[in-house]
Amino acid sequence: MSGILFDEIVFGPVKSRRFGVSLGINLLPLHGKMCSFNCIYCECGLNEESKTKKPRLFSASEINASLQSRFEALKSGGLDPDTITFAGNGEPTLHPEFETIVENTIRLRDTFFPKALITVLSNATRLDRDNVKRALLRIDNNVLKLDAGTNGTFQAINRPTHPVTLEKIVGELVKFDGDLVIQTMLIRGDVDGNTVDNTTDEELTLYLGHLEAIKPKMVMLYPIDRQTPYRTLEKVPEAEFRALAERIKLLGIKAEVFF
């Protein structure tokens, strides 16, 4: 069940399905996952598998120094990333200095790679915090997770570590007034003897209703691409992704499938 953890603050550049040549930033402990979700499909593994007694978060100044060093090396080597992406070992907005780190990254991007976009991949659990929302609204791509139509399926797939409902998250997503991108994993299978499926007619109909309320700039649809904690999960066929993308486009919302 073990997953993949990033052992550097700055990693890559890597070729991303969605973002081209992407330079990754990991704000979380290098040898353990830290996340407010415990998703059944997470490539980093389950939270309880990677707990450490005293997980160490790097400070904003240490992260800034690491970024500057890598940016200088890439620039001297003639490689310009398309995207600078906050991802890594869990939920990046959990870092207490997240807003400061975003400000520092914007400054360094403007100096070294002014054409690169800044992206944050987030599970949307901390959007009710003003500092997190301010930071996300300053970057080019705030890519926020929405994996279900019903709260029951949300709890079964994303398994938040603290009490939160799908309705609460959707309400916070609506407050972005469309300045966001939604990312969605389609998935089904058996987890500990229970069937989990966000591809049913009920789930997709309610999911589309959430999208109508949120009005995102775009929806990114993607399947399982790496090993998951549960081998019983199924990779949903591409045709189902294409069909959902067409339904999203009928709402006047751009949708892309990354299969």
C-alpha atoms as a PDB file:
ATOM      1  CA  MET A   1       0.000   0.000   0.000  1.00  0.00           C
ATOM      2  CA  SER A   2       2.989   2.332   0.317  1.00  0.00           C
ATOM      3  CA  GLY A   3       3.106   5.316  -2.017  1.00  0.00           C
ATOM      4  CA  ILE A   4       5.547   7.718  -3.600  1.00  0.00           C
ATOM      5  CA  LEU A   5       6.978  10.520  -1.456  1.00  0.00           C
ATOM      6  CA  PHE A   6       9.064  13.467  -2.660  1.00  0.00           C
ATOM      7  CA  ASP A   7      12.410  13.759  -0.875  1.00  0.00           C
ATOM      8  CA  GLU A   8      13.241  17.319  -1.977  1.00  0.00           C
ATOM      9  CA  ILE A   9      11.753  20.763  -1.439  1.00  0.00           C
ATOM     10  CA  VAL A  10      12.052  21.496  -5.168  1.00  0.00           C
ATOM     11  CA  PHE A  11      11.756  18.555  -7.550  1.00  0.00           C
ATOM     12  CA  GLY A  12      11.857  18.119 -11.306  1.00  0.00           C
ATOM     13  CA  PRO A  13      11.306  19.595 -13.770  1.00  0.00           C
ATOM     14  CA  VAL A  14       9.049  16.736 -14.831  1.00  0.00           C
ATOM     15  CA  LYS A  15       6.800  16.285 -17.840  1.00  0.00           C
ATOM     16  CA  SER A  16       3.229  16.679 -16.571  1.00  0.00           C
ATOM     17  CA  ARG A  17       0.094  15.397 -18.283  1.00  0.00           C
ATOM     18  CA  ARG A  18      -1.636  18.662 -17.481  1.00  0.00           C
ATOM     19  CA  PHE A  19       1.016  21.347 -17.075  1.00  0.00           C
ATOM     20  CA  GLY A  20       3.818  20.680 -19.551  1.00  0.00           C
ATOM     21  CA  VAL A  21       7.353  21.003 -18.132  1.00  0.00           C
ATOM     22  CA  SER A  22       6.587  21.454 -14.448  1.00  0.00           C
ATOM     23  CA  LEU A  23       8.935  22.339 -11.596  1.00  0.00           C
ATOM     24  CA  GLY A  24       7.462  20.978  -8.366  1.00  0.00           C
ATOM     25  CA  ILE A  25       7.505  22.508  -4.894  1.00  0.00           C
ATOM     26  CA  ASN A  26       6.926  20.334  -1.829  1.00  0.00           C
ATOM     27  CA  LEU A  27       6.106  22.358   1.304  1.00  0.00           C
ATOM     28  CA  LEU A  28       5.570  19.300   3.484  1.00  0.00           C
ATOM     29  CA  PRO A  29       7.834  16.882   5.379  1.00  0.00           C
ATOM     30  CA  LEU A  30      10.257  15.076   3.091  1.00  0.00           C
ATOM     31  CA  HIS A  31       9.772  11.664   4.701  1.00  0.00           C
ATOM     32  CA  GLY A  32       6.098  11.648   5.581  1.00  0.00           C
ATOM     33  CA  LYS A  33       2.741  12.647   4.166  1.00  0.00           C
ATOM     34  CA  MET A  34       0.756  15.504   5.737  1.00  0.00           C
ATOM     35  CA  CYS A  35      -2.765  15.946   4.419  1.00  0.00           C
ATOM     36  CA  SER A  36      -6.267  16.927   5.496  1.00  0.00           C
ATOM     37  CA  PHE A  37      -7.618  14.173   3.235  1.00  0.00           C
ATOM     38  CA  ASN A  38      -6.803  10.467   3.250  1.00  0.00           C
ATOM     39  CA  CYS A  39      -7.924   9.708  -0.312  1.00  0.00           C
ATOM     40  CA  ILE A  40      -8.342   6.088  -1.322  1.00  0.00           C
ATOM     41  CA  TYR A  41      -6.424   6.751  -4.565  1.00  0.00           C
ATOM     42  CA  CYS A  42      -3.537   8.895  -3.251  1.00  0.00           C
ATOM     43  CA  GLU A  43      -0.203   8.132  -4.947  1.00  0.00           C
ATOM     44  CA  CYS A  44       1.577   9.183  -1.724  1.00  0.00           C
ATOM     45  CA  GLY A  45      -0.121   6.357   0.169  1.00  0.00           C
ATOM     46  CA  LEU A  46      -2.351   6.536   3.233  1.00  0.00           C
ATOM     47  CA  ASN A  47      -1.708   9.056   5.992  1.00  0.00           C
ATOM     48  CA  GLU A  48      -1.185   6.459   8.705  1.00  0.00           C
ATOM     49  CA  GLU A  49       1.523   4.692   6.682  1.00  0.00           C
ATOM     50  CA  SER A  50       3.833   7.703   6.602  1.00  0.00           C
ATOM     51  CA  LYS A  51       3.414   9.282  10.023  1.00  0.00           C
ATOM     52  CA  THR A  52       6.567  10.375  11.778  1.00  0.00           C
ATOM     53  CA  LYS A  53       6.889  11.373  15.416  1.00  0.00           C
ATOM     54  CA  LYS A  54       8.045  14.902  14.683  1.00  0.00           C
ATOM     55  CA  PRO A  55       7.447  15.851  11.044  1.00  0.00           C
ATOM     56  CA  ARG A  56       9.605  18.840  10.171  1.00  0.00           C
ATOM     57  CA  LEU A  57       8.260  21.627   8.011  1.00  0.00           C
ATOM     58  CA  PHE A  58      10.845  23.791   6.274  1.00  0.00           C
ATOM     59  CA  SER A  59      10.505  27.508   6.964  1.00  0.00           C
ATOM     60  CA  ALA A  60       9.517  30.040   4.319  1.00  0.00           C
ATOM     61  CA  SER A  61      13.102  31.319   4.238  1.00  0.00           C
ATOM     62  CA  GLU A  62      14.545  27.804   3.717  1.00  0.00           C
ATOM     63  CA  ILE A  63      12.062  27.145   0.919  1.00  0.00           C
ATOM     64  CA  ASN A  64      12.870  30.494  -0.656  1.00  0.00           C
ATOM     65  CA  ALA A  65      16.609  29.710  -0.592  1.00  0.00           C
ATOM     66  CA  SER A  66      16.010  26.302  -2.179  1.00  0.00           C
ATOM     67  CA  LEU A  67      13.831  27.846  -4.886  1.00  0.00           C
ATOM     68  CA  GLN A  68      16.350  30.560  -5.693  1.00  0.00           C
ATOM     69  CA  SER A  69      19.179  28.036  -5.942  1.00  0.00           C
ATOM     70  CA  ARG A  70      17.198  25.753  -8.294  1.00  0.00           C
ATOM     71  CA  PHE A  71      15.934  28.671 -10.394  1.00  0.00           C
ATOM     72  CA  GLU A  72      19.488  29.957 -10.850  1.00  0.00           C
ATOM     73  CA  ALA A  73      20.708  26.490 -11.873  1.00  0.00           C
ATOM     74  CA  LEU A  74      17.881  25.989 -14.365  1.00  0.00           C
ATOM     75  CA  LYS A  75      18.372  29.452 -15.832  1.00  0.00           C
ATOM     76  CA  SER A  76      22.087  28.903 -16.316  1.00  0.00           C
ATOM     77  CA  GLY A  77      21.294  25.551 -17.967  1.00  0.00           C
ATOM     78  CA  GLY A  78      18.896  27.151 -20.410  1.00  0.00           C
ATOM     79  CA  LEU A  79      15.806  25.285 -19.191  1.00  0.00           C
ATOM     80  CA  ASP A  80      12.614  27.270 -18.627  1.00  0.00           C
ATOM     81  CA  PRO A  81       9.683  25.468 -16.945  1.00  0.00           C
ATOM     82  CA  ASP A  82       6.150  25.998 -18.238  1.00  0.00           C
ATOM     83  CA  THR A  83       4.720  25.760 -14.754  1.00  0.00           C
ATOM     84  CA  ILE A  84       5.873  26.031 -11.147  1.00  0.00           C
ATOM     85  CA  THR A  85       3.586  23.681  -9.252  1.00  0.00           C
ATOM     86  CA  PHE A  86       2.899  23.405  -5.530  1.00  0.00           C
ATOM     87  CA  ALA A  87       2.185  19.715  -4.960  1.00  0.00           C
ATOM     88  CA  GLY A  88       4.299  17.227  -2.996  1.00  0.00           C
ATOM     89  CA  ASN A  89       3.611  15.066   0.032  1.00  0.00           C
ATOM     90  CA  GLY A  90       0.064  16.103   0.885  1.00  0.00           C
ATOM     91  CA  GLU A  91      -1.884  19.368   1.101  1.00  0.00           C
ATOM     92  CA  PRO A  92       0.345  22.450   0.467  1.00  0.00           C
ATOM     93  CA  THR A  93      -2.033  24.946   2.102  1.00  0.00           C
ATOM     94  CA  LEU A  94      -1.413  23.257   5.473  1.00  0.00           C
ATOM     95  CA  HIS A  95       1.952  25.025   5.688  1.00  0.00           C
ATOM     96  CA  PRO A  96       1.513  27.881   8.220  1.00  0.00           C
ATOM     97  CA  GLU A  97       3.562  30.249   6.010  1.00  0.00           C
ATOM     98  CA  PHE A  98       1.770  29.346   2.791  1.00  0.00           C
ATOM     99  CA  GLU A  99       0.888  32.923   1.855  1.00  0.00           C
ATOM    100  CA  THR A 100       4.447  34.176   2.405  1.00  0.00           C
ATOM    101  CA  ILE A 101       5.838  31.280   0.367  1.00  0.00           C
ATOM    102  CA  VAL A 102       3.487  32.089  -2.511  1.00  0.00           C
ATOM    103  CA  GLU A 103       4.556  35.756  -2.405  1.00  0.00           C
ATOM    104  CA  ASN A 104       8.238  34.737  -2.478  1.00  0.00           C
ATOM    105  CA  THR A 105       7.625  32.323  -5.365  1.00  0.00           C
ATOM    106  CA  ILE A 106       5.856  34.987  -7.423  1.00  0.00           C
ATOM    107  CA  ARG A 107       8.807  37.342  -6.915  1.00  0.00           C
ATOM    108  CA  LEU A 108      11.347  34.699  -7.953  1.00  0.00           C
ATOM    109  CA  ARG A 109       9.232  33.611 -10.925  1.00  0.00           C
ATOM    110  CA  ASP A 110       9.024  37.192 -12.138  1.00  0.00           C
ATOM    111  CA  THR A 111      12.825  37.468 -11.906  1.00  0.00           C
ATOM    112  CA  PHE A 112      13.863  34.168 -13.488  1.00  0.00           C
ATOM    113  CA  PHE A 113      10.968  32.741 -15.510  1.00  0.00           C
ATOM    114  CA  PRO A 114       8.398  35.484 -16.149  1.00  0.00           C
ATOM    115  CA  LYS A 115       6.508  33.350 -18.689  1.00  0.00           C
ATOM    116  CA  ALA A 116       6.013  30.426 -16.289  1.00  0.00           C
ATOM    117  CA  LEU A 117       2.639  29.933 -14.639  1.00  0.00           C
ATOM    118  CA  ILE A 118       2.294  29.264 -10.917  1.00  0.00           C
ATOM    119  CA  THR A 119      -0.072  26.445 -10.002  1.00  0.00           C
ATOM    120  CA  VAL A 120      -1.304  25.099  -6.675  1.00  0.00           C
ATOM    121  CA  LEU A 121      -2.903  21.663  -6.448  1.00  0.00           C
ATOM    122  CA  SER A 122      -5.167  21.764  -3.392  1.00  0.00           C
ATOM    123  CA  ASN A 123      -7.950  19.661  -1.910  1.00  0.00           C
ATOM    124  CA  ALA A 124      -9.952  22.813  -1.040  1.00  0.00           C
ATOM    125  CA  THR A 125     -10.285  22.037   2.670  1.00  0.00           C
ATOM    126  CA  ARG A 126      -8.786  25.345   3.850  1.00  0.00           C
ATOM    127  CA  LEU A 127     -10.535  27.834   1.606  1.00  0.00           C
ATOM    128  CA  ASP A 128     -12.328  29.337   4.598  1.00  0.00           C
ATOM    129  CA  ARG A 129      -8.988  30.760   5.782  1.00  0.00           C
ATOM    130  CA  ASP A 130      -8.443  34.276   4.475  1.00  0.00           C
ATOM    131  CA  ASN A 131      -4.674  33.902   4.067  1.00  0.00           C
ATOM    132  CA  VAL A 132      -5.097  30.746   1.974  1.00  0.00           C
ATOM    133  CA  LYS A 133      -7.752  32.293  -0.236  1.00  0.00           C
ATOM    134  CA  ARG A 134      -5.690  35.482  -0.744  1.00  0.00           C
ATOM    135  CA  ALA A 135      -2.670  33.429  -1.788  1.00  0.00           C
ATOM    136  CA  LEU A 136      -4.652  31.264  -4.199  1.00  0.00           C
ATOM    137  CA  LEU A 137      -6.212  34.293  -5.853  1.00  0.00           C
ATOM    138  CA  ARG A 138      -2.735  35.727  -6.568  1.00  0.00           C
ATOM    139  CA  ILE A 139      -1.496  32.795  -8.638  1.00  0.00           C
ATOM    140  CA  ASP A 140      -2.261  31.754 -12.219  1.00  0.00           C
ATOM    141  CA  ASN A 141      -3.891  28.380 -11.591  1.00  0.00           C
ATOM    142  CA  ASN A 142      -5.595  27.439  -8.342  1.00  0.00           C
ATOM    143  CA  VAL A 143      -6.560  23.847  -9.115  1.00  0.00           C
ATOM    144  CA  LEU A 144      -9.037  22.623  -6.527  1.00  0.00           C
ATOM    145  CA  LYS A 145     -10.433  19.153  -5.949  1.00  0.00           C
ATOM    146  CA  LEU A 146     -14.054  18.035  -6.380  1.00  0.00           C
ATOM    147  CA  ASP A 147     -14.511  14.270  -6.594  1.00  0.00           C
ATOM    148  CA  ALA A 148     -18.170  13.631  -5.786  1.00  0.00           C
ATOM    149  CA  GLY A 149     -21.776  14.677  -6.144  1.00  0.00           C
ATOM    150  CA  THR A 150     -23.016  13.433  -2.768  1.00  0.00           C
ATOM    151  CA  ASN A 151     -21.521  13.917   0.667  1.00  0.00           C
ATOM    152  CA  GLY A 152     -21.550  10.166   1.281  1.00  0.00           C
ATOM    153  CA  THR A 153     -19.321   9.485  -1.708  1.00  0.00           C
ATOM    154  CA  PHE A 154     -17.107  12.462  -0.846  1.00  0.00           C
ATOM    155  CA  GLN A 155     -16.530  10.978   2.619  1.00  0.00           C
ATOM    156  CA  ALA A 156     -15.856   7.518   1.146  1.00  0.00           C
ATOM    157  CA  ILE A 157     -13.351   8.712  -1.483  1.00  0.00           C
ATOM    158  CA  ASN A 158     -11.582  11.690   0.097  1.00  0.00           C
ATOM    159  CA  ARG A 159     -11.929  10.690   3.772  1.00  0.00           C
ATOM    160  CA  PRO A 160     -11.232  14.072   5.410  1.00  0.00           C
ATOM    161  CA  THR A 161      -9.192  13.903   8.591  1.00  0.00           C
ATOM    162  CA  HIS A 162     -11.297  16.610  10.271  1.00  0.00           C
ATOM    163  CA  PRO A 163     -15.069  17.110  10.079  1.00  0.00           C
ATOM    164  CA  VAL A 164     -16.033  18.783   6.792  1.00  0.00           C
ATOM    165  CA  THR A 165     -18.873  18.194   4.348  1.00  0.00           C
ATOM    166  CA  LEU A 166     -19.053  18.351   0.589  1.00  0.00           C
ATOM    167  CA  GLU A 167     -21.635  21.106   0.909  1.00  0.00           C
ATOM    168  CA  LYS A 168     -19.188  23.211   2.936  1.00  0.00           C
ATOM    169  CA  ILE A 169     -16.438  22.791   0.345  1.00  0.00           C
ATOM    170  CA  VAL A 170     -18.737  23.566  -2.574  1.00  0.00           C
ATOM    171  CA  GLY A 171     -19.891  26.711  -0.753  1.00  0.00           C
ATOM    172  CA  GLU A 172     -16.293  27.885  -0.436  1.00  0.00           C
ATOM    173  CA  LEU A 173     -15.564  27.070  -4.088  1.00  0.00           C
ATOM    174  CA  VAL A 174     -18.530  29.204  -5.154  1.00  0.00           C
ATOM    175  CA  LYS A 175     -16.967  32.196  -3.360  1.00  0.00           C
ATOM    176  CA  PHE A 176     -14.083  32.225  -5.882  1.00  0.00           C
ATOM    177  CA  ASP A 177     -16.493  33.683  -8.468  1.00  0.00           C
ATOM    178  CA  GLY A 178     -15.168  31.375 -11.162  1.00  0.00           C
ATOM    179  CA  ASP A 179     -11.459  32.190 -10.664  1.00  0.00           C
ATOM    180  CA  LEU A 180     -10.414  28.565 -10.209  1.00  0.00           C
ATOM    181  CA  VAL A 181      -9.942  25.238 -11.965  1.00  0.00           C
ATOM    182  CA  ILE A 182     -11.657  22.073 -10.742  1.00  0.00           C
ATOM    183  CA  GLN A 183      -9.805  18.747 -10.832  1.00  0.00           C
ATOM    184  CA  THR A 184     -11.782  15.509 -10.627  1.00  0.00           C
ATOM    185  CA  MET A 185     -10.766  11.868 -10.430  1.00  0.00           C
ATOM    186  CA  LEU A 186     -13.352   9.358 -11.672  1.00  0.00           C
ATOM    187  CA  ILE A 187     -13.029   6.130  -9.731  1.00  0.00           C
ATOM    188  CA  ARG A 188     -14.871   3.028  -8.614  1.00  0.00           C
ATOM    189  CA  GLY A 189     -14.102  -0.193  -6.825  1.00  0.00           C
ATOM    190  CA  ASP A 190     -14.177  -2.008  -3.509  1.00  0.00           C
ATOM    191  CA  VAL A 191     -12.621  -0.478  -0.384  1.00  0.00           C
ATOM    192  CA  ASP A 192     -12.649  -2.617   2.743  1.00  0.00           C
ATOM    193  CA  GLY A 193     -15.736  -4.469   1.555  1.00  0.00           C
ATOM    194  CA  ASN A 194     -17.670  -1.346   0.523  1.00  0.00           C
ATOM    195  CA  THR A 195     -18.400  -0.264  -3.049  1.00  0.00           C
ATOM    196  CA  VAL A 196     -17.174   3.241  -3.881  1.00  0.00           C
ATOM    197  CA  ASP A 197     -18.336   4.790  -7.158  1.00  0.00           C
ATOM    198  CA  ASN A 198     -18.530   8.442  -8.249  1.00  0.00           C
ATOM    199  CA  THR A 199     -19.597   7.545 -11.801  1.00  0.00           C
ATOM    200  CA  THR A 200     -23.261   6.670 -11.168  1.00  0.00           C
ATOM    201  CA  ASP A 201     -26.054   8.728 -12.720  1.00  0.00           C
ATOM    202  CA  GLU A 202     -26.926  10.212  -9.328  1.00  0.00           C
ATOM    203  CA  GLU A 203     -23.349  11.208  -8.545  1.00  0.00           C
ATOM    204  CA  LEU A 204     -22.683  12.760 -11.933  1.00  0.00           C
ATOM    205  CA  THR A 205     -25.975  14.661 -12.039  1.00  0.00           C
ATOM    206  CA  LEU A 206     -25.342  16.219  -8.623  1.00  0.00           C
ATOM    207  CA  TYR A 207     -21.686  16.827  -9.523  1.00  0.00           C
ATOM    208  CA  LEU A 208     -22.757  18.763 -12.622  1.00  0.00           C
ATOM    209  CA  GLY A 209     -25.069  20.807 -10.431  1.00  0.00           C
ATOM    210  CA  HIS A 210     -22.116  21.733  -8.224  1.00  0.00           C
ATOM    211  CA  LEU A 211     -20.161  22.808 -11.306  1.00  0.00           C
ATOM    212  CA  GLU A 212     -23.054  25.012 -12.410  1.00  0.00           C
ATOM    213  CA  ALA A 213     -22.894  26.798  -9.053  1.00  0.00           C
ATOM    214  CA  ILE A 214     -19.080  27.057  -8.976  1.00  0.00           C
ATOM    215  CA  LYS A 215     -18.634  28.146 -12.618  1.00  0.00           C
ATOM    216  CA  PRO A 216     -14.922  27.240 -12.845  1.00  0.00           C
ATOM    217  CA  LYS A 217     -12.670  28.394 -15.684  1.00  0.00           C
ATOM    218  CA  MET A 218     -12.056  24.767 -16.539  1.00  0.00           C
ATOM    219  CA  VAL A 219     -12.547  21.214 -15.292  1.00  0.00           C
ATOM    220  CA  MET A 220      -9.659  18.730 -15.469  1.00  0.00           C
ATOM    221  CA  LEU A 221     -10.771  15.095 -15.560  1.00  0.00           C
ATOM    222  CA  TYR A 222      -8.216  12.369 -14.964  1.00  0.00           C
ATOM    223  CA  PRO A 223      -8.054   8.647 -14.082  1.00  0.00           C
ATOM    224  CA  ILE A 224      -5.824   6.553 -11.880  1.00  0.00           C
ATOM    225  CA  ASP A 225      -2.352   6.745 -13.401  1.00  0.00           C
ATOM    226  CA  ARG A 226      -0.131   5.266 -10.681  1.00  0.00           C
ATOM    227  CA  GLN A 227      -0.302   2.636  -7.954  1.00  0.00           C
ATOM    228  CA  THR A 228      -3.017   3.346  -5.390  1.00  0.00           C
ATOM    229  CA  PRO A 229      -3.311   2.227  -1.752  1.00  0.00           C
ATOM    230  CA  TYR A 230      -6.143  -0.131  -2.764  1.00  0.00           C
ATOM    231  CA  ARG A 231      -5.477  -2.557  -5.638  1.00  0.00           C
ATOM    232  CA  THR A 232      -9.253  -3.134  -5.904  1.00  0.00           C
ATOM    233  CA  LEU A 233      -9.850   0.292  -7.488  1.00  0.00           C
ATOM    234  CA  GLU A 234     -10.766   0.339 -11.165  1.00  0.00           C
ATOM    235  CA  LYS A 235      -9.410   2.635 -13.854  1.00  0.00           C
ATOM    236  CA  VAL A 236     -12.568   4.070 -15.396  1.00  0.00           C
ATOM    237  CA  PRO A 237     -12.620   3.704 -19.230  1.00  0.00           C
ATOM    238  CA  GLU A 238     -11.724   6.730 -21.311  1.00  0.00           C
ATOM    239  CA  ALA A 239     -15.133   6.774 -23.016  1.00  0.00           C
ATOM    240  CA  GLU A 240     -16.805   7.632 -19.706  1.00  0.00           C
ATOM    241  CA  PHE A 241     -14.456  10.572 -19.216  1.00  0.00           C
ATOM    242  CA  ARG A 242     -15.187  11.837 -22.721  1.00  0.00           C
ATOM    243  CA  ALA A 243     -18.936  11.550 -22.137  1.00  0.00           C
ATOM    244  CA  LEU A 244     -18.704  13.516 -18.891  1.00  0.00           C
ATOM    245  CA  ALA A 245     -16.542  16.169 -20.539  1.00  0.00           C
ATOM    246  CA  GLU A 246     -19.247  16.699 -23.170  1.00  0.00           C
ATOM    247  CA  ARG A 247     -21.885  17.120 -20.466  1.00  0.00           C
ATOM    248  CA  ILE A 248     -19.693  19.709 -18.742  1.00  0.00           C
ATOM    249  CA  LYS A 249     -19.197  21.619 -21.987  1.00  0.00           C
ATOM    250  CA  LEU A 250     -22.991  21.826 -22.391  1.00  0.00           C
ATOM    251  CA  LEU A 251     -22.938  23.910 -19.193  1.00  0.00           C
ATOM    252  CA  GLY A 252     -20.648  26.408 -20.923  1.00  0.00           C
ATOM    253  CA  ILE A 253     -17.613  25.227 -18.952  1.00  0.00           C
ATOM    254  CA  LYS A 254     -14.358  24.149 -20.591  1.00  0.00           C
ATOM    255  CA  ALA A 255     -13.421  20.531 -19.824  1.00  0.00           C
ATOM    256  CA  GLU A 256     -10.306  18.530 -20.654  1.00  0.00           C
ATOM    257  CA  VAL A 257      -9.608  14.834 -20.211  1.00  0.00           C
ATOM    258  CA  PHE A 258      -6.059  13.834 -19.226  1.00  0.00           C
ATOM    259  CA  PHE A 259      -6.089  10.082 -19.835  1.00  0.00           C
END
